[in-house]
């Protein structure tokens, strides 16, 4: 984790924005995917 955090701190702004957009899309995909939602509910 420390290595990933170190790499992240040295990323270009464009790369950080791109990763951020990807994470947002990924989160929305989980939220609106019935299968993923069911799995998350089962775990909780």
PDB file of N, CA and C in Angstrom:
ATOM      1  N   UNK A   1       0.842  -1.209   0.000  1.00  0.00           N
ATOM      2  CA  UNK A   1       0.000   0.000   0.000  1.00  0.00           C
ATOM      3  C   UNK A   1       0.871   1.249   0.000  1.00  0.00           C
ATOM      4  N   UNK A   2       1.921   1.232   0.771  1.00  0.00           N
ATOM      5  CA  UNK A   2       2.812   2.389   0.837  1.00  0.00           C
ATOM      6  C   UNK A   2       3.415   2.669  -0.534  1.00  0.00           C
ATOM      7  N   UNK A   3       3.782   1.615  -1.253  1.00  0.00           N
ATOM      8  CA  UNK A   3       4.365   1.788  -2.583  1.00  0.00           C
ATOM      9  C   UNK A   3       3.339   2.398  -3.527  1.00  0.00           C
ATOM     10  N   UNK A   4       2.097   1.929  -3.453  1.00  0.00           N
ATOM     11  CA  UNK A   4       1.055   2.472  -4.317  1.00  0.00           C
ATOM     12  C   UNK A   4       0.800   3.935  -3.984  1.00  0.00           C
ATOM     13  N   UNK A   5       0.795   4.276  -2.708  1.00  0.00           N
ATOM     14  CA  UNK A   5       0.577   5.651  -2.288  1.00  0.00           C
ATOM     15  C   UNK A   5       1.724   6.526  -2.780  1.00  0.00           C
ATOM     16  N   UNK A   6       2.941   6.004  -2.744  1.00  0.00           N
ATOM     17  CA  UNK A   6       4.103   6.752  -3.222  1.00  0.00           C
ATOM     18  C   UNK A   6       3.984   7.021  -4.715  1.00  0.00           C
ATOM     19  N   UNK A   7       3.578   5.982  -5.471  1.00  0.00           N
ATOM     20  CA  UNK A   7       3.425   6.159  -6.912  1.00  0.00           C
ATOM     21  C   UNK A   7       2.310   7.160  -7.205  1.00  0.00           C
ATOM     22  N   UNK A   8       1.210   7.067  -6.448  1.00  0.00           N
ATOM     23  CA  UNK A   8       0.074   7.954  -6.676  1.00  0.00           C
ATOM     24  C   UNK A   8       0.482   9.403  -6.442  1.00  0.00           C
ATOM     25  N   UNK A   9       1.316   9.651  -5.454  1.00  0.00           N
ATOM     26  CA  UNK A   9       1.710  11.018  -5.127  1.00  0.00           C
ATOM     27  C   UNK A   9       2.593  11.617  -6.219  1.00  0.00           C
ATOM     28  N   UNK A  10       3.166  10.760  -7.084  1.00  0.00           N
ATOM     29  CA  UNK A  10       4.032  11.249  -8.152  1.00  0.00           C
ATOM     30  C   UNK A  10       3.369  11.136  -9.522  1.00  0.00           C
ATOM     31  N   UNK A  11       2.062  10.903  -9.550  1.00  0.00           N
ATOM     32  CA  UNK A  11       1.352  10.817 -10.822  1.00  0.00           C
ATOM     33  C   UNK A  11       1.086  12.205 -11.376  1.00  0.00           C
ATOM     34  N   UNK A  12       0.904  12.278 -12.700  1.00  0.00           N
ATOM     35  CA  UNK A  12       0.543  13.541 -13.322  1.00  0.00           C
ATOM     36  C   UNK A  12      -0.915  13.864 -12.990  1.00  0.00           C
ATOM     37  N   UNK A  13      -1.245  15.137 -13.071  1.00  0.00           N
ATOM     38  CA  UNK A  13      -2.621  15.552 -12.768  1.00  0.00           C
ATOM     39  C   UNK A  13      -3.601  14.859 -13.707  1.00  0.00           C
ATOM     40  N   UNK A  14      -3.252  14.762 -14.992  1.00  0.00           N
ATOM     41  CA  UNK A  14      -4.141  14.118 -15.959  1.00  0.00           C
ATOM     42  C   UNK A  14      -4.371  12.660 -15.585  1.00  0.00           C
ATOM     43  N   UNK A  15      -3.336  11.979 -15.107  1.00  0.00           N
ATOM     44  CA  UNK A  15      -3.480  10.579 -14.724  1.00  0.00           C
ATOM     45  C   UNK A  15      -4.382  10.445 -13.514  1.00  0.00           C
ATOM     46  N   UNK A  16      -4.228  11.363 -12.547  1.00  0.00           N
ATOM     47  CA  UNK A  16      -5.072  11.326 -11.343  1.00  0.00           C
ATOM     48  C   UNK A  16      -6.532  11.538 -11.723  1.00  0.00           C
ATOM     49  N   UNK A  17      -6.786  12.489 -12.627  1.00  0.00           N
ATOM     50  CA  UNK A  17      -8.165  12.753 -13.061  1.00  0.00           C
ATOM     51  C   UNK A  17      -8.718  11.526 -13.775  1.00  0.00           C
ATOM     52  N   UNK A  18      -7.910  10.895 -14.623  1.00  0.00           N
ATOM     53  CA  UNK A  18      -8.360   9.728 -15.368  1.00  0.00           C
ATOM     54  C   UNK A  18      -8.704   8.591 -14.414  1.00  0.00           C
ATOM     55  N   UNK A  19      -7.853   8.356 -13.420  1.00  0.00           N
ATOM     56  CA  UNK A  19      -8.116   7.305 -12.439  1.00  0.00           C
ATOM     57  C   UNK A  19      -9.356   7.643 -11.631  1.00  0.00           C
ATOM     58  N   UNK A  20      -9.513   8.907 -11.281  1.00  0.00           N
ATOM     59  CA  UNK A  20     -10.686   9.331 -10.518  1.00  0.00           C
ATOM     60  C   UNK A  20     -11.961   9.092 -11.303  1.00  0.00           C
ATOM     61  N   UNK A  21     -11.954   9.430 -12.606  1.00  0.00           N
ATOM     62  CA  UNK A  21     -13.129   9.192 -13.440  1.00  0.00           C
ATOM     63  C   UNK A  21     -13.424   7.702 -13.521  1.00  0.00           C
ATOM     64  N   UNK A  22     -12.375   6.886 -13.626  1.00  0.00           N
ATOM     65  CA  UNK A  22     -12.559   5.444 -13.709  1.00  0.00           C
ATOM     66  C   UNK A  22     -13.187   4.906 -12.428  1.00  0.00           C
ATOM     67  N   UNK A  23     -12.715   5.400 -11.283  1.00  0.00           N
ATOM     68  CA  UNK A  23     -13.253   4.935 -10.007  1.00  0.00           C
ATOM     69  C   UNK A  23     -14.719   5.334  -9.857  1.00  0.00           C
ATOM     70  N   UNK A  24     -15.065   6.533 -10.336  1.00  0.00           N
ATOM     71  CA  UNK A  24     -16.463   6.981 -10.264  1.00  0.00           C
ATOM     72  C   UNK A  24     -17.341   6.071 -11.117  1.00  0.00           C
ATOM     73  N   UNK A  25     -16.894   5.792 -12.344  1.00  0.00           N
ATOM     74  CA  UNK A  25     -17.658   4.911 -13.232  1.00  0.00           C
ATOM     75  C   UNK A  25     -17.762   3.520 -12.621  1.00  0.00           C
ATOM     76  N   UNK A  26     -16.671   3.048 -12.036  1.00  0.00           N
ATOM     77  CA  UNK A  26     -16.654   1.716 -11.423  1.00  0.00           C
ATOM     78  C   UNK A  26     -17.639   1.657 -10.263  1.00  0.00           C
ATOM     79  N   UNK A  27     -17.664   2.713  -9.439  1.00  0.00           N
ATOM     80  CA  UNK A  27     -18.581   2.756  -8.295  1.00  0.00           C
ATOM     81  C   UNK A  27     -20.026   2.775  -8.779  1.00  0.00           C
ATOM     82  N   UNK A  28     -20.302   3.552  -9.817  1.00  0.00           N
ATOM     83  CA  UNK A  28     -21.666   3.611 -10.356  1.00  0.00           C
ATOM     84  C   UNK A  28     -22.061   2.253 -10.930  1.00  0.00           C
ATOM     85  N   UNK A  29     -21.114   1.566 -11.558  1.00  0.00           N
ATOM     86  CA  UNK A  29     -21.404   0.251 -12.120  1.00  0.00           C
ATOM     87  C   UNK A  29     -21.790  -0.724 -11.022  1.00  0.00           C
ATOM     88  N   UNK A  30     -21.099  -0.666  -9.897  1.00  0.00           N
ATOM     89  CA  UNK A  30     -21.424  -1.547  -8.770  1.00  0.00           C
ATOM     90  C   UNK A  30     -22.799  -1.191  -8.214  1.00  0.00           C
ATOM     91  N   UNK A  31     -23.065   0.110  -8.090  1.00  0.00           N
ATOM     92  CA  UNK A  31     -24.330   0.550  -7.494  1.00  0.00           C
ATOM     93  C   UNK A  31     -25.517   0.119  -8.339  1.00  0.00           C
ATOM     94  N   UNK A  32     -25.376   0.183  -9.665  1.00  0.00           N
ATOM     95  CA  UNK A  32     -26.515  -0.075 -10.539  1.00  0.00           C
ATOM     96  C   UNK A  32     -26.506  -1.489 -11.111  1.00  0.00           C
ATOM     97  N   UNK A  33     -25.545  -2.309 -10.704  1.00  0.00           N
ATOM     98  CA  UNK A  33     -25.501  -3.695 -11.183  1.00  0.00           C
ATOM     99  C   UNK A  33     -26.244  -4.569 -10.182  1.00  0.00           C
ATOM    100  N   UNK A  34     -27.373  -5.168 -10.568  1.00  0.00           N
ATOM    101  CA  UNK A  34     -28.171  -5.964  -9.620  1.00  0.00           C
ATOM    102  C   UNK A  34     -27.358  -7.083  -8.973  1.00  0.00           C
ATOM    103  N   UNK A  35     -26.495  -7.734  -9.762  1.00  0.00           N
ATOM    104  CA  UNK A  35     -25.727  -8.862  -9.226  1.00  0.00           C
ATOM    105  C   UNK A  35     -24.752  -8.379  -8.153  1.00  0.00           C
ATOM    106  N   UNK A  36     -24.053  -7.283  -8.433  1.00  0.00           N
ATOM    107  CA  UNK A  36     -23.093  -6.767  -7.462  1.00  0.00           C
ATOM    108  C   UNK A  36     -23.815  -6.293  -6.207  1.00  0.00           C
ATOM    109  N   UNK A  37     -24.963  -5.629  -6.387  1.00  0.00           N
ATOM    110  CA  UNK A  37     -25.712  -5.126  -5.238  1.00  0.00           C
ATOM    111  C   UNK A  37     -26.156  -6.293  -4.359  1.00  0.00           C
ATOM    112  N   UNK A  38     -26.600  -7.380  -5.001  1.00  0.00           N
ATOM    113  CA  UNK A  38     -27.053  -8.546  -4.235  1.00  0.00           C
ATOM    114  C   UNK A  38     -25.897  -9.122  -3.438  1.00  0.00           C
ATOM    115  N   UNK A  39     -24.731  -9.208  -4.054  1.00  0.00           N
ATOM    116  CA  UNK A  39     -23.563  -9.761  -3.356  1.00  0.00           C
ATOM    117  C   UNK A  39     -23.198  -8.883  -2.160  1.00  0.00           C
ATOM    118  N   UNK A  40     -23.222  -7.561  -2.352  1.00  0.00           N
ATOM    119  CA  UNK A  40     -22.875  -6.658  -1.257  1.00  0.00           C
ATOM    120  C   UNK A  40     -23.877  -6.801  -0.115  1.00  0.00           C
ATOM    121  N   UNK A  41     -25.146  -6.940  -0.444  1.00  0.00           N
ATOM    122  CA  UNK A  41     -26.171  -7.076   0.592  1.00  0.00           C
ATOM    123  C   UNK A  41     -25.997  -8.396   1.334  1.00  0.00           C
ATOM    124  N   UNK A  42     -25.643  -9.462   0.619  1.00  0.00           N
ATOM    125  CA  UNK A  42     -25.455 -10.765   1.254  1.00  0.00           C
ATOM    126  C   UNK A  42     -24.294 -10.718   2.235  1.00  0.00           C
ATOM    127  N   UNK A  43     -23.230  -9.980   1.869  1.00  0.00           N
ATOM    128  CA  UNK A  43     -22.071  -9.893   2.753  1.00  0.00           C
ATOM    129  C   UNK A  43     -22.433  -9.137   4.027  1.00  0.00           C
ATOM    130  N   UNK A  44     -23.280  -8.101   3.902  1.00  0.00           N
ATOM    131  CA  UNK A  44     -23.679  -7.325   5.067  1.00  0.00           C
ATOM    132  C   UNK A  44     -24.827  -8.038   5.764  1.00  0.00           C
TER     133      UNK A  44
END
